[in-house]
Protein backbone atom coordinates (compact mmCIF):
# COMPACT_ATOMS: atom_id res chain seq x y z
CA MET A 1 142.86 150.28 131.07
CA LYS A 2 140.61 153.60 132.70
CA LYS A 3 139.19 153.63 128.84
CA GLY A 4 138.88 150.58 128.42
CA LEU A 5 136.26 150.25 131.55
CA ILE A 6 134.30 153.19 130.25
CA ALA A 7 134.23 152.16 126.47
CA ALA A 8 133.02 148.55 128.08
CA GLY A 9 130.42 150.61 130.03
CA MET A 10 129.09 152.20 127.27
CA VAL A 11 128.76 149.23 125.19
CA ALA A 12 126.84 147.64 128.28
CA LEU A 13 124.48 150.72 128.15
CA ALA A 14 123.89 151.04 124.83
CA LEU A 15 123.10 146.93 124.82
CA VAL A 16 120.53 147.68 128.00
CA SER A 17 118.80 150.47 125.81
CA ALA A 18 118.64 148.85 122.69
CA GLY A 19 116.63 145.90 124.79
CA TYR A 20 114.60 148.15 126.86
CA ALA A 21 113.56 150.10 123.37
CA ARG A 22 112.47 147.15 121.85
CA GLY A 23 110.51 145.92 125.01
CA ALA A 24 108.67 149.10 125.04
CA SER A 25 106.99 148.81 121.62
CA PHE A 26 103.10 147.80 121.42
CA ASP A 27 103.12 144.11 120.00
CA GLY A 28 100.08 142.11 119.30
CA ASP A 29 101.17 139.44 121.98
CA HIS A 30 101.72 141.37 125.13
CA TYR A 31 101.53 144.38 126.30
CA SER A 32 103.00 146.15 129.80
CA GLN A 33 100.53 147.08 133.00
CA SER A 34 101.58 150.63 131.42
CA GLN A 35 100.55 149.90 128.15
CA LEU A 36 97.36 148.10 128.98
CA LYS A 37 96.45 151.41 131.06
CA GLN A 38 97.00 153.54 128.45
CA LEU A 39 95.12 151.11 126.04
CA THR A 40 92.14 150.96 128.30
CA HIS A 41 92.13 154.98 128.40
CA ASP A 42 92.36 155.38 124.72
CA ALA A 43 89.43 152.56 123.77
CA ARG A 44 86.68 154.17 122.16
CA THR A 45 86.18 151.16 119.19
CA PRO A 46 84.97 147.83 118.94
CA GLU A 47 87.79 146.46 117.61
CA GLN A 48 90.08 147.97 120.72
CA TYR A 49 87.83 146.71 123.22
CA LYS A 50 88.23 143.37 121.40
CA ASN A 51 92.21 144.14 121.48
CA LEU A 52 91.59 144.59 125.53
CA ALA A 53 89.94 141.11 125.89
CA THR A 54 92.17 139.35 124.04
CA ALA A 55 95.16 140.69 125.59
CA TYR A 56 92.90 140.56 129.09
CA ALA A 57 92.15 136.59 127.94
CA LYS A 58 96.05 135.93 126.73
CA GLN A 59 96.80 137.67 130.27
CA GLN A 60 94.87 135.21 132.06
CA SER A 61 96.39 131.99 130.10
CA SER A 62 99.69 133.14 131.08
CA PHE A 63 98.45 133.31 134.74
CA LEU A 64 96.75 130.17 135.08
CA GLN A 65 99.87 128.22 133.27
CA GLN A 66 101.89 129.87 136.37
CA ALA A 67 99.51 128.59 138.83
CA ALA A 68 99.90 125.12 137.71
CA GLU A 69 103.48 124.96 137.84
CA GLU A 70 103.38 126.57 141.30
CA LYS A 71 100.59 124.11 142.37
CA ALA A 72 103.00 121.37 141.14
CA GLU A 73 106.11 123.21 143.33
CA TRP A 74 103.61 123.12 146.12
CA GLN A 75 102.44 119.55 146.26
CA ARG A 76 106.16 118.77 145.64
CA ARG A 77 107.52 120.96 148.62
CA SER A 78 104.40 119.58 150.86
CA GLN A 79 106.36 116.48 150.46
CA ASN A 80 109.03 117.22 152.31
CA ILE A 81 107.60 118.93 155.82
CA VAL A 82 110.28 117.80 158.13
CA SER A 83 109.69 119.78 161.31
CA ILE A 84 106.81 121.19 162.77
CA ASN A 85 109.10 124.10 164.09
CA ALA A 86 110.24 124.97 160.85
CA LYS A 87 111.05 128.81 160.69
CA TYR A 88 107.67 130.91 159.05
CA PRO A 89 107.87 130.88 155.86
CA ARG A 90 108.47 127.89 154.83
CA PRO A 91 109.06 127.33 151.53
CA VAL A 92 105.89 125.07 150.87
CA ASP A 93 104.14 128.32 152.24
CA SER A 94 106.12 130.56 149.74
CA ALA A 95 104.26 128.08 147.03
CA ARG A 96 100.98 128.76 148.26
CA TYR A 97 101.00 132.11 148.40
CA LEU A 98 102.51 132.10 144.98
CA TYR A 99 99.55 129.76 143.69
CA GLU A 100 97.10 131.66 145.67
CA TYR A 101 98.12 135.14 143.92
CA TYR A 102 98.42 133.57 139.99
CA VAL A 103 95.36 132.05 140.51
CA TYR A 104 93.82 135.42 142.26
CA LYS A 105 95.42 137.32 139.09
CA ALA A 106 93.58 134.97 136.47
CA SER A 107 90.33 135.27 138.09
CA GLU A 108 91.21 139.80 137.78
CA ALA A 109 92.19 139.12 133.65
CA ALA A 110 89.06 137.18 133.45
CA ALA A 111 86.89 139.37 134.58
CA LEU A 112 88.33 141.96 132.39
CA SER A 113 88.62 140.13 129.40
CA ALA A 114 84.39 140.01 130.11
CA LYS A 115 83.88 143.55 130.67
CA TYR A 116 85.68 144.30 126.73
CA ASP A 117 84.17 141.26 125.25
CA GLN A 118 80.89 142.76 126.53
CA MET A 119 81.55 146.24 125.70
CA ALA A 120 83.08 145.10 121.95
CA SER A 121 79.69 143.67 121.62
CA SER A 122 77.85 146.76 122.83
CA ALA A 123 79.78 148.78 120.98
CA ALA A 124 78.98 146.93 117.59
CA HIS A 125 75.08 147.07 118.14
């Protein structure tokens, strides 16, 4: 019984490790925050700046999509406000805060995308 439990634990650990290793690699579609930080630090060529601008543009698009979903949830929850004396934070407040957070992060990503796009164009000349 004990050997079976240990073997199952080792298999689970191996599966988690394999998934983490696959997620840690650089891919063209999605970068983690640490990968973006490393790319920002290493960027010297117009192509690298363009890659950063593209990555931040994709991040902006993702945040805008999440904001749209959260806005719909906020509107849905706004229709179900029952009591004025409801405990804070109400579900409608949580949805609103998430919406505002995603809009803020999208604007940050847009600014960074524009910055690196400008750097790519000025480094190319």
